[in-house]
Structures are given as structure tokens and as C-alpha cells.
Amino acid sequence: MNDIRITPEELVSWADGEITGVRALFIKASVETDASLQAQLAAHQALKDRLGQHFAPIAEQPVPDRLVNTVSYTHLRAHETV
């Protein structure tokens, strides 16, 4: 096992494409050779798939106009010149 540990949070971040560069290459190589990391990754992917299926109907609904208007108003106010 390597002296440099990969935390569960880091593994999930890597799986979600949030880690790049040398560290991503290190994690990829570690996952390829470590059964424990492979199991953790498989569990994360299974959970992500289940949650995606569960919340898909909600995510596909249109955003209510009142929320769109609130965000638009807030965005405009933040970019007003004084």
C-alpha cells in the first residue's frame, strides 16, 4: 500500500471529475491496483446512480418563475453600478 493515503472524500471527488493533473493520475493508478478502493468507488457509483434515478423526475421539472425572477433580480442588483 502507498504511504500517501486517498481519503473517501478525495476518491469521490476524483470519481466526479473534480480532481485533475498528477493527483488524478495517482488516484487512477491506485484504484487500478487496490481492491478496497475499487469497492469504495463501486459503492459511490451505485449510490450516485440510485440518487440520480430517484431525483430525475424532480430535476426534469421546470424552475418556477418566481425563483427565476428572484435569481435574475439578485444577479442584476449585484452588477449594478453605483
PDB file of N, CA and C in Angstrom:
ATOM      1  N   MET A   1       0.847  -1.189   0.000  1.00  0.00           N
ATOM      2  CA  MET A   1       0.000   0.000   0.000  1.00  0.00           C
ATOM      3  C   MET A   1       0.884   1.241   0.000  1.00  0.00           C
ATOM      4  N   ASN A   2       0.422   2.290  -0.603  1.00  0.00           N
ATOM      5  CA  ASN A   2       1.179   3.537  -0.670  1.00  0.00           C
ATOM      6  C   ASN A   2       1.155   4.272   0.655  1.00  0.00           C
ATOM      7  N   ASP A   3       2.204   5.062   0.898  1.00  0.00           N
ATOM      8  CA  ASP A   3       2.245   5.887   2.097  1.00  0.00           C
ATOM      9  C   ASP A   3       1.309   7.090   1.974  1.00  0.00           C
ATOM     10  N   ILE A   4       0.998   7.471   0.742  1.00  0.00           N
ATOM     11  CA  ILE A   4       0.106   8.609   0.519  1.00  0.00           C
ATOM     12  C   ILE A   4      -1.321   8.072   0.473  1.00  0.00           C
ATOM     13  N   ARG A   5      -2.113   8.453   1.432  1.00  0.00           N
ATOM     14  CA  ARG A   5      -3.478   7.952   1.552  1.00  0.00           C
ATOM     15  C   ARG A   5      -4.436   8.708   0.635  1.00  0.00           C
ATOM     16  N   ILE A   6      -5.452   7.997   0.216  1.00  0.00           N
ATOM     17  CA  ILE A   6      -6.547   8.594  -0.547  1.00  0.00           C
ATOM     18  C   ILE A   6      -7.763   8.525   0.362  1.00  0.00           C
ATOM     19  N   THR A   7      -8.289   9.689   0.730  1.00  0.00           N
ATOM     20  CA  THR A   7      -9.456   9.728   1.608  1.00  0.00           C
ATOM     21  C   THR A   7     -10.715   9.366   0.820  1.00  0.00           C
ATOM     22  N   PRO A   8     -11.759   8.912   1.496  1.00  0.00           N
ATOM     23  CA  PRO A   8     -13.023   8.641   0.804  1.00  0.00           C
ATOM     24  C   PRO A   8     -13.549   9.883   0.072  1.00  0.00           C
ATOM     25  N   GLU A   9     -13.377  11.044   0.685  1.00  0.00           N
ATOM     26  CA  GLU A   9     -13.848  12.290   0.055  1.00  0.00           C
ATOM     27  C   GLU A   9     -13.067  12.579  -1.231  1.00  0.00           C
ATOM     28  N   GLU A  10     -11.772  12.320  -1.174  1.00  0.00           N
ATOM     29  CA  GLU A  10     -10.939  12.549  -2.351  1.00  0.00           C
ATOM     30  C   GLU A  10     -11.281  11.555  -3.467  1.00  0.00           C
ATOM     31  N   LEU A  11     -11.552  10.320  -3.101  1.00  0.00           N
ATOM     32  CA  LEU A  11     -11.936   9.316  -4.085  1.00  0.00           C
ATOM     33  C   LEU A  11     -13.224   9.720  -4.797  1.00  0.00           C
ATOM     34  N   VAL A  12     -14.193  10.194  -4.027  1.00  0.00           N
ATOM     35  CA  VAL A  12     -15.464  10.643  -4.604  1.00  0.00           C
ATOM     36  C   VAL A  12     -15.242  11.860  -5.504  1.00  0.00           C
ATOM     37  N   SER A  13     -14.418  12.789  -5.061  1.00  0.00           N
ATOM     38  CA  SER A  13     -14.120  13.967  -5.878  1.00  0.00           C
ATOM     39  C   SER A  13     -13.467  13.556  -7.194  1.00  0.00           C
ATOM     40  N   TRP A  14     -12.551  12.610  -7.126  1.00  0.00           N
ATOM     41  CA  TRP A  14     -11.900  12.118  -8.336  1.00  0.00           C
ATOM     42  C   TRP A  14     -12.922  11.448  -9.259  1.00  0.00           C
ATOM     43  N   ALA A  15     -13.780  10.610  -8.687  1.00  0.00           N
ATOM     44  CA  ALA A  15     -14.795   9.907  -9.474  1.00  0.00           C
ATOM     45  C   ALA A  15     -15.737  10.884 -10.164  1.00  0.00           C
ATOM     46  N   ASP A  16     -15.972  12.024  -9.540  1.00  0.00           N
ATOM     47  CA  ASP A  16     -16.867  13.035 -10.102  1.00  0.00           C
ATOM     48  C   ASP A  16     -16.141  14.013 -11.024  1.00  0.00           C
ATOM     49  N   GLY A  17     -14.854  13.754 -11.280  1.00  0.00           N
ATOM     50  CA  GLY A  17     -14.096  14.591 -12.204  1.00  0.00           C
ATOM     51  C   GLY A  17     -13.609  15.904 -11.629  1.00  0.00           C
ATOM     52  N   GLU A  18     -13.571  16.000 -10.319  1.00  0.00           N
ATOM     53  CA  GLU A  18     -13.189  17.251  -9.668  1.00  0.00           C
ATOM     54  C   GLU A  18     -11.695  17.332  -9.336  1.00  0.00           C
ATOM     55  N   ILE A  19     -10.969  16.248  -9.563  1.00  0.00           N
ATOM     56  CA  ILE A  19      -9.522  16.243  -9.322  1.00  0.00           C
ATOM     57  C   ILE A  19      -8.842  15.945 -10.648  1.00  0.00           C
ATOM     58  N   THR A  20      -7.850  16.741 -10.981  1.00  0.00           N
ATOM     59  CA  THR A  20      -7.151  16.590 -12.249  1.00  0.00           C
ATOM     60  C   THR A  20      -5.648  16.541 -12.011  1.00  0.00           C
ATOM     61  N   GLY A  21      -4.921  16.444 -13.078  1.00  0.00           N
ATOM     62  CA  GLY A  21      -3.471  16.523 -13.016  1.00  0.00           C
ATOM     63  C   GLY A  21      -2.817  15.296 -12.416  1.00  0.00           C
ATOM     64  N   VAL A  22      -1.665  15.530 -11.805  1.00  0.00           N
ATOM     65  CA  VAL A  22      -0.852  14.453 -11.243  1.00  0.00           C
ATOM     66  C   VAL A  22      -1.611  13.677 -10.174  1.00  0.00           C
ATOM     67  N   ARG A  23      -2.354  14.394  -9.347  1.00  0.00           N
ATOM     68  CA  ARG A  23      -3.089  13.704  -8.273  1.00  0.00           C
ATOM     69  C   ARG A  23      -4.150  12.777  -8.865  1.00  0.00           C
ATOM     70  N   ALA A  24      -4.808  13.198  -9.919  1.00  0.00           N
ATOM     71  CA  ALA A  24      -5.804  12.342 -10.566  1.00  0.00           C
ATOM     72  C   ALA A  24      -5.144  11.085 -11.134  1.00  0.00           C
ATOM     73  N   LEU A  25      -3.987  11.244 -11.722  1.00  0.00           N
ATOM     74  CA  LEU A  25      -3.260  10.086 -12.256  1.00  0.00           C
ATOM     75  C   LEU A  25      -2.860   9.127 -11.142  1.00  0.00           C
ATOM     76  N   PHE A  26      -2.436   9.685 -10.012  1.00  0.00           N
ATOM     77  CA  PHE A  26      -2.074   8.858  -8.866  1.00  0.00           C
ATOM     78  C   PHE A  26      -3.287   8.083  -8.350  1.00  0.00           C
ATOM     79  N   ILE A  27      -4.419   8.759  -8.230  1.00  0.00           N
ATOM     80  CA  ILE A  27      -5.628   8.093  -7.731  1.00  0.00           C
ATOM     81  C   ILE A  27      -6.058   7.004  -8.708  1.00  0.00           C
ATOM     82  N   LYS A  28      -6.031   7.310  -9.996  1.00  0.00           N
ATOM     83  CA  LYS A  28      -6.411   6.320 -11.012  1.00  0.00           C
ATOM     84  C   LYS A  28      -5.541   5.074 -10.900  1.00  0.00           C
ATOM     85  N   ALA A  29      -4.235   5.262 -10.822  1.00  0.00           N
ATOM     86  CA  ALA A  29      -3.317   4.122 -10.700  1.00  0.00           C
ATOM     87  C   ALA A  29      -3.571   3.345  -9.405  1.00  0.00           C
ATOM     88  N   SER A  30      -3.867   4.056  -8.338  1.00  0.00           N
ATOM     89  CA  SER A  30      -4.143   3.407  -7.050  1.00  0.00           C
ATOM     90  C   SER A  30      -5.406   2.578  -7.121  1.00  0.00           C
ATOM     91  N   VAL A  31      -6.457   3.124  -7.748  1.00  0.00           N
ATOM     92  CA  VAL A  31      -7.721   2.400  -7.868  1.00  0.00           C
ATOM     93  C   VAL A  31      -7.524   1.133  -8.692  1.00  0.00           C
ATOM     94  N   GLU A  32      -6.711   1.224  -9.731  1.00  0.00           N
ATOM     95  CA  GLU A  32      -6.485   0.065 -10.593  1.00  0.00           C
ATOM     96  C   GLU A  32      -5.814  -1.102  -9.868  1.00  0.00           C
ATOM     97  N   THR A  33      -5.101  -0.807  -8.779  1.00  0.00           N
ATOM     98  CA  THR A  33      -4.345  -1.863  -8.086  1.00  0.00           C
ATOM     99  C   THR A  33      -4.835  -2.156  -6.667  1.00  0.00           C
ATOM    100  N   ASP A  34      -5.868  -1.456  -6.199  1.00  0.00           N
ATOM    101  CA  ASP A  34      -6.311  -1.603  -4.809  1.00  0.00           C
ATOM    102  C   ASP A  34      -7.779  -2.027  -4.774  1.00  0.00           C
ATOM    103  N   ALA A  35      -8.025  -3.250  -4.353  1.00  0.00           N
ATOM    104  CA  ALA A  35      -9.391  -3.787  -4.314  1.00  0.00           C
ATOM    105  C   ALA A  35     -10.293  -2.994  -3.375  1.00  0.00           C
ATOM    106  N   SER A  36      -9.740  -2.490  -2.292  1.00  0.00           N
ATOM    107  CA  SER A  36     -10.539  -1.699  -1.353  1.00  0.00           C
ATOM    108  C   SER A  36     -11.019  -0.404  -2.008  1.00  0.00           C
ATOM    109  N   LEU A  37     -10.137   0.268  -2.728  1.00  0.00           N
ATOM    110  CA  LEU A  37     -10.537   1.494  -3.430  1.00  0.00           C
ATOM    111  C   LEU A  37     -11.552   1.187  -4.524  1.00  0.00           C
ATOM    112  N   GLN A  38     -11.373   0.062  -5.191  1.00  0.00           N
ATOM    113  CA  GLN A  38     -12.335  -0.343  -6.218  1.00  0.00           C
ATOM    114  C   GLN A  38     -13.720  -0.556  -5.619  1.00  0.00           C
ATOM    115  N   ALA A  39     -13.772  -1.171  -4.451  1.00  0.00           N
ATOM    116  CA  ALA A  39     -15.052  -1.405  -3.783  1.00  0.00           C
ATOM    117  C   ALA A  39     -15.691  -0.092  -3.352  1.00  0.00           C
ATOM    118  N   GLN A  40     -14.877   0.816  -2.802  1.00  0.00           N
ATOM    119  CA  GLN A  40     -15.395   2.132  -2.405  1.00  0.00           C
ATOM    120  C   GLN A  40     -15.936   2.886  -3.616  1.00  0.00           C
ATOM    121  N   LEU A  41     -15.211   2.822  -4.722  1.00  0.00           N
ATOM    122  CA  LEU A  41     -15.626   3.507  -5.942  1.00  0.00           C
ATOM    123  C   LEU A  41     -16.929   2.919  -6.480  1.00  0.00           C
ATOM    124  N   ALA A  42     -17.028   1.596  -6.468  1.00  0.00           N
ATOM    125  CA  ALA A  42     -18.252   0.940  -6.928  1.00  0.00           C
ATOM    126  C   ALA A  42     -19.444   1.329  -6.058  1.00  0.00           C
ATOM    127  N   ALA A  43     -19.238   1.406  -4.751  1.00  0.00           N
ATOM    128  CA  ALA A  43     -20.325   1.810  -3.842  1.00  0.00           C
ATOM    129  C   ALA A  43     -20.748   3.255  -4.121  1.00  0.00           C
ATOM    130  N   HIS A  44     -19.786   4.136  -4.352  1.00  0.00           N
ATOM    131  CA  HIS A  44     -20.104   5.537  -4.666  1.00  0.00           C
ATOM    132  C   HIS A  44     -20.902   5.616  -5.965  1.00  0.00           C
ATOM    133  N   GLN A  45     -20.451   4.895  -6.984  1.00  0.00           N
ATOM    134  CA  GLN A  45     -21.133   4.952  -8.270  1.00  0.00           C
ATOM    135  C   GLN A  45     -22.541   4.388  -8.185  1.00  0.00           C
ATOM    136  N   ALA A  46     -22.725   3.329  -7.399  1.00  0.00           N
ATOM    137  CA  ALA A  46     -24.057   2.752  -7.224  1.00  0.00           C
ATOM    138  C   ALA A  46     -24.980   3.737  -6.510  1.00  0.00           C
ATOM    139  N   LEU A  47     -24.463   4.402  -5.477  1.00  0.00           N
ATOM    140  CA  LEU A  47     -25.261   5.388  -4.760  1.00  0.00           C
ATOM    141  C   LEU A  47     -25.608   6.559  -5.668  1.00  0.00           C
ATOM    142  N   LYS A  48     -24.637   7.040  -6.423  1.00  0.00           N
ATOM    143  CA  LYS A  48     -24.875   8.155  -7.343  1.00  0.00           C
ATOM    144  C   LYS A  48     -25.957   7.792  -8.368  1.00  0.00           C
ATOM    145  N   ASP A  49     -25.895   6.569  -8.886  1.00  0.00           N
ATOM    146  CA  ASP A  49     -26.908   6.106  -9.846  1.00  0.00           C
ATOM    147  C   ASP A  49     -28.295   6.045  -9.204  1.00  0.00           C
ATOM    148  N   ARG A  50     -28.370   5.495  -7.984  1.00  0.00           N
ATOM    149  CA  ARG A  50     -29.669   5.402  -7.295  1.00  0.00           C
ATOM    150  C   ARG A  50     -30.255   6.783  -7.029  1.00  0.00           C
ATOM    151  N   LEU A  51     -29.414   7.696  -6.551  1.00  0.00           N
ATOM    152  CA  LEU A  51     -29.905   9.048  -6.273  1.00  0.00           C
ATOM    153  C   LEU A  51     -30.325   9.753  -7.556  1.00  0.00           C
ATOM    154  N   GLY A  52     -29.551   9.552  -8.617  1.00  0.00           N
ATOM    155  CA  GLY A  52     -29.903  10.154  -9.902  1.00  0.00           C
ATOM    156  C   GLY A  52     -31.250   9.679 -10.401  1.00  0.00           C
ATOM    157  N   GLN A  53     -31.504   8.380 -10.284  1.00  0.00           N
ATOM    158  CA  GLN A  53     -32.788   7.828 -10.706  1.00  0.00           C
ATOM    159  C   GLN A  53     -33.930   8.338  -9.827  1.00  0.00           C
ATOM    160  N   HIS A  54     -33.664   8.443  -8.550  1.00  0.00           N
ATOM    161  CA  HIS A  54     -34.702   8.876  -7.610  1.00  0.00           C
ATOM    162  C   HIS A  54     -35.103  10.340  -7.858  1.00  0.00           C
ATOM    163  N   PHE A  55     -34.109  11.194  -8.075  1.00  0.00           N
ATOM    164  CA  PHE A  55     -34.389  12.622  -8.195  1.00  0.00           C
ATOM    165  C   PHE A  55     -34.572  13.099  -9.629  1.00  0.00           C
ATOM    166  N   ALA A  56     -34.416  12.228 -10.615  1.00  0.00           N
ATOM    167  CA  ALA A  56     -34.557  12.631 -12.016  1.00  0.00           C
ATOM    168  C   ALA A  56     -35.898  13.307 -12.309  1.00  0.00           C
ATOM    169  N   PRO A  57     -37.014  12.781 -11.823  1.00  0.00           N
ATOM    170  CA  PRO A  57     -38.291  13.437 -12.130  1.00  0.00           C
ATOM    171  C   PRO A  57     -38.357  14.876 -11.589  1.00  0.00           C
ATOM    172  N   ILE A  58     -37.742  15.107 -10.457  1.00  0.00           N
ATOM    173  CA  ILE A  58     -37.737  16.460  -9.882  1.00  0.00           C
ATOM    174  C   ILE A  58     -36.819  17.369 -10.683  1.00  0.00           C
ATOM    175  N   ALA A  59     -35.646  16.865 -11.034  1.00  0.00           N
ATOM    176  CA  ALA A  59     -34.666  17.672 -11.765  1.00  0.00           C
ATOM    177  C   ALA A  59     -35.147  18.037 -13.157  1.00  0.00           C
ATOM    178  N   GLU A  60     -36.048  17.234 -13.716  1.00  0.00           N
ATOM    179  CA  GLU A  60     -36.548  17.491 -15.064  1.00  0.00           C
ATOM    180  C   GLU A  60     -37.668  18.529 -15.093  1.00  0.00           C
ATOM    181  N   GLN A  61     -38.214  18.879 -13.953  1.00  0.00           N
ATOM    182  CA  GLN A  61     -39.296  19.857 -13.919  1.00  0.00           C
ATOM    183  C   GLN A  61     -38.745  21.265 -14.142  1.00  0.00           C
ATOM    184  N   PRO A  62     -39.534  22.125 -14.755  1.00  0.00           N
ATOM    185  CA  PRO A  62     -39.060  23.498 -14.971  1.00  0.00           C
ATOM    186  C   PRO A  62     -38.919  24.243 -13.643  1.00  0.00           C
ATOM    187  N   VAL A  63     -38.002  25.175 -13.631  1.00  0.00           N
ATOM    188  CA  VAL A  63     -37.807  26.013 -12.446  1.00  0.00           C
ATOM    189  C   VAL A  63     -38.978  26.995 -12.380  1.00  0.00           C
ATOM    190  N   PRO A  64     -39.620  27.126 -11.215  1.00  0.00           N
ATOM    191  CA  PRO A  64     -40.745  28.053 -11.095  1.00  0.00           C
ATOM    192  C   PRO A  64     -40.322  29.489 -11.429  1.00  0.00           C
ATOM    193  N   ASP A  65     -41.223  30.210 -12.078  1.00  0.00           N
ATOM    194  CA  ASP A  65     -40.941  31.592 -12.487  1.00  0.00           C
ATOM    195  C   ASP A  65     -40.507  32.466 -11.319  1.00  0.00           C
ATOM    196  N   ARG A  66     -41.130  32.281 -10.150  1.00  0.00           N
ATOM    197  CA  ARG A  66     -40.776  33.142  -9.021  1.00  0.00           C
ATOM    198  C   ARG A  66     -39.309  32.968  -8.627  1.00  0.00           C
ATOM    199  N   LEU A  67     -38.778  31.754  -8.763  1.00  0.00           N
ATOM    200  CA  LEU A  67     -37.366  31.539  -8.446  1.00  0.00           C
ATOM    201  C   LEU A  67     -36.461  32.117  -9.539  1.00  0.00           C
ATOM    202  N   VAL A  68     -36.863  31.938 -10.788  1.00  0.00           N
ATOM    203  CA  VAL A  68     -36.096  32.527 -11.890  1.00  0.00           C
ATOM    204  C   VAL A  68     -36.041  34.034 -11.736  1.00  0.00           C
ATOM    205  N   ASN A  69     -37.172  34.637 -11.407  1.00  0.00           N
ATOM    206  CA  ASN A  69     -37.222  36.093 -11.238  1.00  0.00           C
ATOM    207  C   ASN A  69     -36.357  36.555 -10.067  1.00  0.00           C
ATOM    208  N   THR A  70     -36.373  35.804  -8.987  1.00  0.00           N
ATOM    209  CA  THR A  70     -35.560  36.154  -7.820  1.00  0.00           C
ATOM    210  C   THR A  70     -34.074  36.110  -8.162  1.00  0.00           C
ATOM    211  N   VAL A  71     -33.656  35.057  -8.826  1.00  0.00           N
ATOM    212  CA  VAL A  71     -32.245  34.933  -9.201  1.00  0.00           C
ATOM    213  C   VAL A  71     -31.863  36.027 -10.187  1.00  0.00           C
ATOM    214  N   SER A  72     -32.717  36.294 -11.150  1.00  0.00           N
ATOM    215  CA  SER A  72     -32.431  37.341 -12.133  1.00  0.00           C
ATOM    216  C   SER A  72     -32.310  38.696 -11.453  1.00  0.00           C
ATOM    217  N   TYR A  73     -33.217  38.995 -10.542  1.00  0.00           N
ATOM    218  CA  TYR A  73     -33.208  40.274  -9.833  1.00  0.00           C
ATOM    219  C   TYR A  73     -31.938  40.400  -8.988  1.00  0.00           C
ATOM    220  N   THR A  74     -31.603  39.338  -8.277  1.00  0.00           N
ATOM    221  CA  THR A  74     -30.411  39.351  -7.436  1.00  0.00           C
ATOM    222  C   THR A  74     -29.157  39.527  -8.284  1.00  0.00           C
ATOM    223  N   HIS A  75     -29.106  38.869  -9.406  1.00  0.00           N
ATOM    224  CA  HIS A  75     -27.959  38.985 -10.303  1.00  0.00           C
ATOM    225  C   HIS A  75     -27.833  40.419 -10.835  1.00  0.00           C
ATOM    226  N   LEU A  76     -28.938  40.994 -11.236  1.00  0.00           N
ATOM    227  CA  LEU A  76     -28.909  42.372 -11.738  1.00  0.00           C
ATOM    228  C   LEU A  76     -28.477  43.347 -10.664  1.00  0.00           C
ATOM    229  N   ARG A  77     -28.984  43.163  -9.453  1.00  0.00           N
ATOM    230  CA  ARG A  77     -28.604  44.061  -8.343  1.00  0.00           C
ATOM    231  C   ARG A  77     -27.115  43.951  -8.026  1.00  0.00           C
ATOM    232  N   ALA A  78     -26.580  42.767  -8.111  1.00  0.00           N
ATOM    233  CA  ALA A  78     -25.169  42.563  -7.798  1.00  0.00           C
ATOM    234  C   ALA A  78     -24.253  43.229  -8.832  1.00  0.00           C
ATOM    235  N   HIS A  79     -24.756  43.443 -10.023  1.00  0.00           N
ATOM    236  CA  HIS A  79     -23.927  44.002 -11.090  1.00  0.00           C
ATOM    237  C   HIS A  79     -24.285  45.462 -11.429  1.00  0.00           C
ATOM    238  N   GLU A  80     -25.114  46.080 -10.600  1.00  0.00           N
ATOM    239  CA  GLU A  80     -25.434  47.491 -10.810  1.00  0.00           C
ATOM    240  C   GLU A  80     -24.217  48.355 -10.493  1.00  0.00           C
ATOM    241  N   THR A  81     -24.066  49.409 -11.241  1.00  0.00           N
ATOM    242  CA  THR A  81     -23.014  50.375 -10.921  1.00  0.00           C
ATOM    243  C   THR A  81     -23.565  51.408  -9.974  1.00  0.00           C
ATOM    244  N   VAL A  82     -22.755  51.816  -9.078  1.00  0.00           N
ATOM    245  CA  VAL A  82     -23.190  52.791  -8.061  1.00  0.00           C
ATOM    246  C   VAL A  82     -22.982  54.180  -8.551  1.00  0.00           C
TER     247      VAL A  82
END
